[in-house]
N, C-alpha and C. Protein backbone atom coordinates (compact mmCIF):
# COMPACT_ATOMS: atom_id res chain seq x y z
N MET A 1 -173.62 202.72 102.34
CA MET A 1 -174.52 203.81 102.69
C MET A 1 -175.93 203.24 102.87
N ILE A 2 -176.63 203.71 103.88
CA ILE A 2 -178.01 203.28 104.12
C ILE A 2 -178.90 203.86 103.03
N CYS A 3 -179.83 203.04 102.54
CA CYS A 3 -180.78 203.47 101.50
C CYS A 3 -182.18 203.08 101.93
N GLU A 4 -183.09 204.03 101.93
CA GLU A 4 -184.47 203.77 102.31
C GLU A 4 -185.39 203.69 101.10
N ASN A 5 -184.85 203.84 99.90
CA ASN A 5 -185.67 203.82 98.69
C ASN A 5 -185.84 202.38 98.21
N VAL A 6 -186.93 201.74 98.61
CA VAL A 6 -187.15 200.33 98.27
C VAL A 6 -187.41 200.13 96.77
N PHE A 7 -187.68 201.20 96.04
CA PHE A 7 -187.94 201.08 94.61
C PHE A 7 -186.69 201.24 93.76
N CYS A 8 -185.55 201.51 94.36
CA CYS A 8 -184.30 201.65 93.63
C CYS A 8 -183.69 200.27 93.40
N VAL A 9 -183.21 200.02 92.20
CA VAL A 9 -182.62 198.71 91.89
C VAL A 9 -181.31 198.49 92.65
N TYR A 10 -180.68 199.55 93.13
CA TYR A 10 -179.42 199.43 93.86
C TYR A 10 -179.61 199.25 95.37
N ASN A 11 -180.86 199.23 95.85
CA ASN A 11 -181.14 199.01 97.26
C ASN A 11 -181.17 197.51 97.52
N HIS A 12 -180.29 197.05 98.40
CA HIS A 12 -180.27 195.64 98.81
C HIS A 12 -180.16 195.60 100.32
N ASN A 13 -181.20 195.09 100.96
CA ASN A 13 -181.25 195.04 102.43
C ASN A 13 -181.01 196.42 103.06
N ASN A 14 -181.65 197.42 102.48
CA ASN A 14 -181.56 198.81 102.95
C ASN A 14 -180.14 199.38 102.88
N ARG A 15 -179.36 198.88 101.98
CA ARG A 15 -178.01 199.38 101.73
C ARG A 15 -177.86 199.65 100.25
N CYS A 16 -177.17 200.73 99.90
CA CYS A 16 -176.87 201.03 98.50
C CYS A 16 -175.69 200.16 98.08
N ILE A 17 -175.84 199.45 96.96
CA ILE A 17 -174.77 198.57 96.51
C ILE A 17 -173.86 199.24 95.47
N VAL A 18 -174.10 200.53 95.19
CA VAL A 18 -173.20 201.31 94.33
C VAL A 18 -171.93 201.58 95.12
N ASN A 19 -170.77 201.40 94.50
CA ASN A 19 -169.50 201.56 95.22
C ASN A 19 -169.35 202.92 95.88
N GLU A 20 -169.56 203.99 95.13
CA GLU A 20 -169.42 205.34 95.68
C GLU A 20 -170.62 206.19 95.26
N PRO A 21 -171.76 206.01 95.93
CA PRO A 21 -172.94 206.80 95.55
C PRO A 21 -172.73 208.28 95.82
N GLU A 22 -173.28 209.11 94.93
CA GLU A 22 -173.20 210.57 95.09
C GLU A 22 -174.60 211.10 95.36
N LEU A 23 -174.68 212.09 96.23
CA LEU A 23 -175.95 212.74 96.53
C LEU A 23 -175.98 214.11 95.90
N ASP A 24 -177.17 214.52 95.42
CA ASP A 24 -177.30 215.86 94.88
C ASP A 24 -177.54 216.85 96.02
N ILE A 25 -177.78 218.09 95.69
CA ILE A 25 -177.96 219.14 96.70
C ILE A 25 -179.19 218.89 97.59
N MET A 26 -180.16 218.12 97.09
CA MET A 26 -181.36 217.79 97.86
C MET A 26 -181.19 216.52 98.69
N GLY A 27 -180.03 215.88 98.58
CA GLY A 27 -179.78 214.65 99.32
C GLY A 27 -180.27 213.41 98.61
N MET A 28 -180.64 213.57 97.34
CA MET A 28 -181.12 212.44 96.53
C MET A 28 -179.94 211.77 95.84
N CYS A 29 -179.99 210.47 95.75
CA CYS A 29 -178.92 209.71 95.12
C CYS A 29 -178.94 209.93 93.60
N ARG A 30 -177.79 210.23 93.04
CA ARG A 30 -177.69 210.45 91.59
C ARG A 30 -177.70 209.15 90.80
N ALA A 31 -177.38 208.03 91.46
CA ALA A 31 -177.31 206.74 90.77
C ALA A 31 -178.65 206.00 90.76
N CYS A 32 -179.63 206.52 91.47
CA CYS A 32 -180.91 205.82 91.65
C CYS A 32 -181.58 205.49 90.32
N VAL A 33 -181.98 204.23 90.20
CA VAL A 33 -182.75 203.75 89.05
C VAL A 33 -183.97 203.05 89.62
N TYR A 34 -185.14 203.51 89.24
CA TYR A 34 -186.38 202.96 89.79
C TYR A 34 -186.83 201.71 89.06
N VAL A 35 -187.35 200.77 89.83
CA VAL A 35 -187.96 199.56 89.28
C VAL A 35 -189.23 199.98 88.55
N GLU A 36 -189.46 199.42 87.37
CA GLU A 36 -190.66 199.76 86.60
C GLU A 36 -191.55 198.53 86.45
N PRO A 37 -192.50 198.35 87.38
CA PRO A 37 -193.41 197.21 87.27
C PRO A 37 -194.32 197.38 86.05
N ASP A 38 -194.70 196.25 85.46
CA ASP A 38 -195.58 196.35 84.29
C ASP A 38 -197.02 196.67 84.73
N ALA A 39 -197.83 197.04 83.80
CA ALA A 39 -199.20 197.50 84.08
C ALA A 39 -200.04 196.42 84.75
N GLU A 40 -199.86 195.17 84.36
CA GLU A 40 -200.65 194.07 84.94
C GLU A 40 -200.31 193.88 86.42
N TYR A 41 -199.03 194.00 86.75
CA TYR A 41 -198.62 193.85 88.15
C TYR A 41 -199.17 195.00 88.99
N ILE A 42 -199.14 196.22 88.47
CA ILE A 42 -199.70 197.37 89.18
C ILE A 42 -201.19 197.16 89.43
N LYS A 43 -201.89 196.64 88.42
CA LYS A 43 -203.32 196.37 88.56
C LYS A 43 -203.55 195.34 89.67
N CYS A 44 -202.73 194.30 89.73
CA CYS A 44 -202.84 193.29 90.78
C CYS A 44 -202.66 193.91 92.16
N LEU A 45 -201.67 194.78 92.28
CA LEU A 45 -201.43 195.42 93.57
C LEU A 45 -202.60 196.32 93.98
N LYS A 46 -203.18 197.01 93.02
CA LYS A 46 -204.34 197.86 93.33
C LYS A 46 -205.50 197.02 93.84
N ILE A 47 -205.75 195.89 93.19
CA ILE A 47 -206.83 195.00 93.62
C ILE A 47 -206.57 194.51 95.04
N LYS A 48 -205.34 194.07 95.28
CA LYS A 48 -204.98 193.56 96.60
C LYS A 48 -205.17 194.61 97.68
N MET A 49 -204.72 195.84 97.43
CA MET A 49 -204.84 196.90 98.43
C MET A 49 -206.30 197.29 98.65
N LEU A 50 -207.08 197.39 97.59
CA LEU A 50 -208.49 197.73 97.75
C LEU A 50 -209.21 196.67 98.57
N LYS A 51 -208.91 195.40 98.32
CA LYS A 51 -209.54 194.33 99.09
C LYS A 51 -209.09 194.38 100.55
N ASN A 52 -207.82 194.69 100.80
CA ASN A 52 -207.33 194.81 102.18
C ASN A 52 -208.04 195.94 102.92
N TRP A 53 -208.38 196.99 102.21
CA TRP A 53 -209.07 198.13 102.82
C TRP A 53 -210.58 197.92 102.91
N GLY A 54 -211.06 196.77 102.40
CA GLY A 54 -212.48 196.47 102.46
C GLY A 54 -213.29 197.09 101.34
N ASP A 55 -212.62 197.59 100.30
CA ASP A 55 -213.32 198.20 99.17
C ASP A 55 -213.50 197.18 98.05
N ASP A 56 -214.25 196.11 98.34
CA ASP A 56 -214.43 195.04 97.36
C ASP A 56 -215.14 195.53 96.10
N ASP A 57 -216.05 196.48 96.25
CA ASP A 57 -216.77 196.99 95.08
C ASP A 57 -215.82 197.70 94.13
N LEU A 58 -214.90 198.49 94.67
CA LEU A 58 -213.92 199.17 93.81
C LEU A 58 -212.93 198.17 93.22
N ALA A 59 -212.54 197.16 93.99
CA ALA A 59 -211.63 196.14 93.47
C ALA A 59 -212.26 195.41 92.30
N GLU A 60 -213.57 195.25 92.33
CA GLU A 60 -214.29 194.55 91.26
C GLU A 60 -214.12 195.26 89.91
N ILE A 61 -213.96 196.57 89.94
CA ILE A 61 -213.73 197.33 88.70
C ILE A 61 -212.47 196.82 88.02
N TYR A 62 -211.41 196.59 88.80
CA TYR A 62 -210.15 196.10 88.23
C TYR A 62 -210.26 194.64 87.81
N TYR A 63 -211.04 193.83 88.56
CA TYR A 63 -211.21 192.43 88.19
C TYR A 63 -211.83 192.29 86.80
N LYS A 64 -212.76 193.19 86.48
CA LYS A 64 -213.42 193.13 85.17
C LYS A 64 -212.42 193.35 84.04
N ASP A 65 -211.42 194.20 84.27
CA ASP A 65 -210.42 194.50 83.25
C ASP A 65 -209.28 193.49 83.23
N LYS A 66 -209.11 192.75 84.33
CA LYS A 66 -207.96 191.84 84.47
C LYS A 66 -208.12 190.63 83.56
N LYS A 67 -207.04 190.27 82.88
CA LYS A 67 -207.07 189.09 82.03
C LYS A 67 -207.10 187.85 82.91
N ALA A 68 -207.88 186.87 82.51
CA ALA A 68 -207.94 185.62 83.25
C ALA A 68 -206.66 184.84 83.02
N PRO A 69 -206.14 184.18 84.05
CA PRO A 69 -204.92 183.38 83.86
C PRO A 69 -205.19 182.18 82.98
N PRO A 70 -204.16 181.65 82.34
CA PRO A 70 -204.36 180.47 81.49
C PRO A 70 -204.96 179.33 82.31
N ASP A 71 -205.86 178.59 81.71
CA ASP A 71 -206.56 177.52 82.41
C ASP A 71 -205.84 176.20 82.23
N THR A 72 -204.58 176.18 82.64
CA THR A 72 -203.80 174.95 82.53
C THR A 72 -203.29 174.58 83.92
N PRO A 73 -203.24 173.29 84.25
CA PRO A 73 -202.83 172.89 85.59
C PRO A 73 -201.37 173.20 85.90
N ASN A 74 -200.52 173.33 84.91
CA ASN A 74 -199.09 173.57 85.13
C ASN A 74 -198.72 175.05 85.08
N SER A 75 -199.69 175.94 85.00
CA SER A 75 -199.34 177.36 84.89
C SER A 75 -198.79 177.86 86.22
N ALA A 76 -197.76 178.67 86.16
CA ALA A 76 -197.12 179.22 87.35
C ALA A 76 -198.00 180.32 87.94
N PRO A 77 -197.99 180.49 89.25
CA PRO A 77 -198.76 181.57 89.86
C PRO A 77 -198.19 182.93 89.45
N THR A 78 -199.05 183.92 89.39
CA THR A 78 -198.59 185.27 89.06
C THR A 78 -197.99 185.91 90.30
N LEU A 79 -197.37 187.06 90.15
CA LEU A 79 -196.76 187.75 91.27
C LEU A 79 -197.78 188.20 92.31
N CYS A 80 -199.03 188.35 91.90
CA CYS A 80 -200.05 188.83 92.83
C CYS A 80 -200.79 187.71 93.53
N ASP A 81 -200.51 186.46 93.20
CA ASP A 81 -201.20 185.35 93.86
C ASP A 81 -200.74 185.15 95.28
């Protein structure tokens, strides 16, 4: 079955990977489970979107609250890098 919900854990390449998905009366999948990003990742995405829209001043508000990454040369990049 085609799935357009990119936030559902069962969506893979726009296809539902549940064997027999059921839809409710509104056409919503009953098996849908939403991905729950952590607060730090959401903050990163907000900063990225604000900067893309040219709102650097508003993005700076989130930068002030954002924890600095560890200052080690072997640290892995974060999801927002």
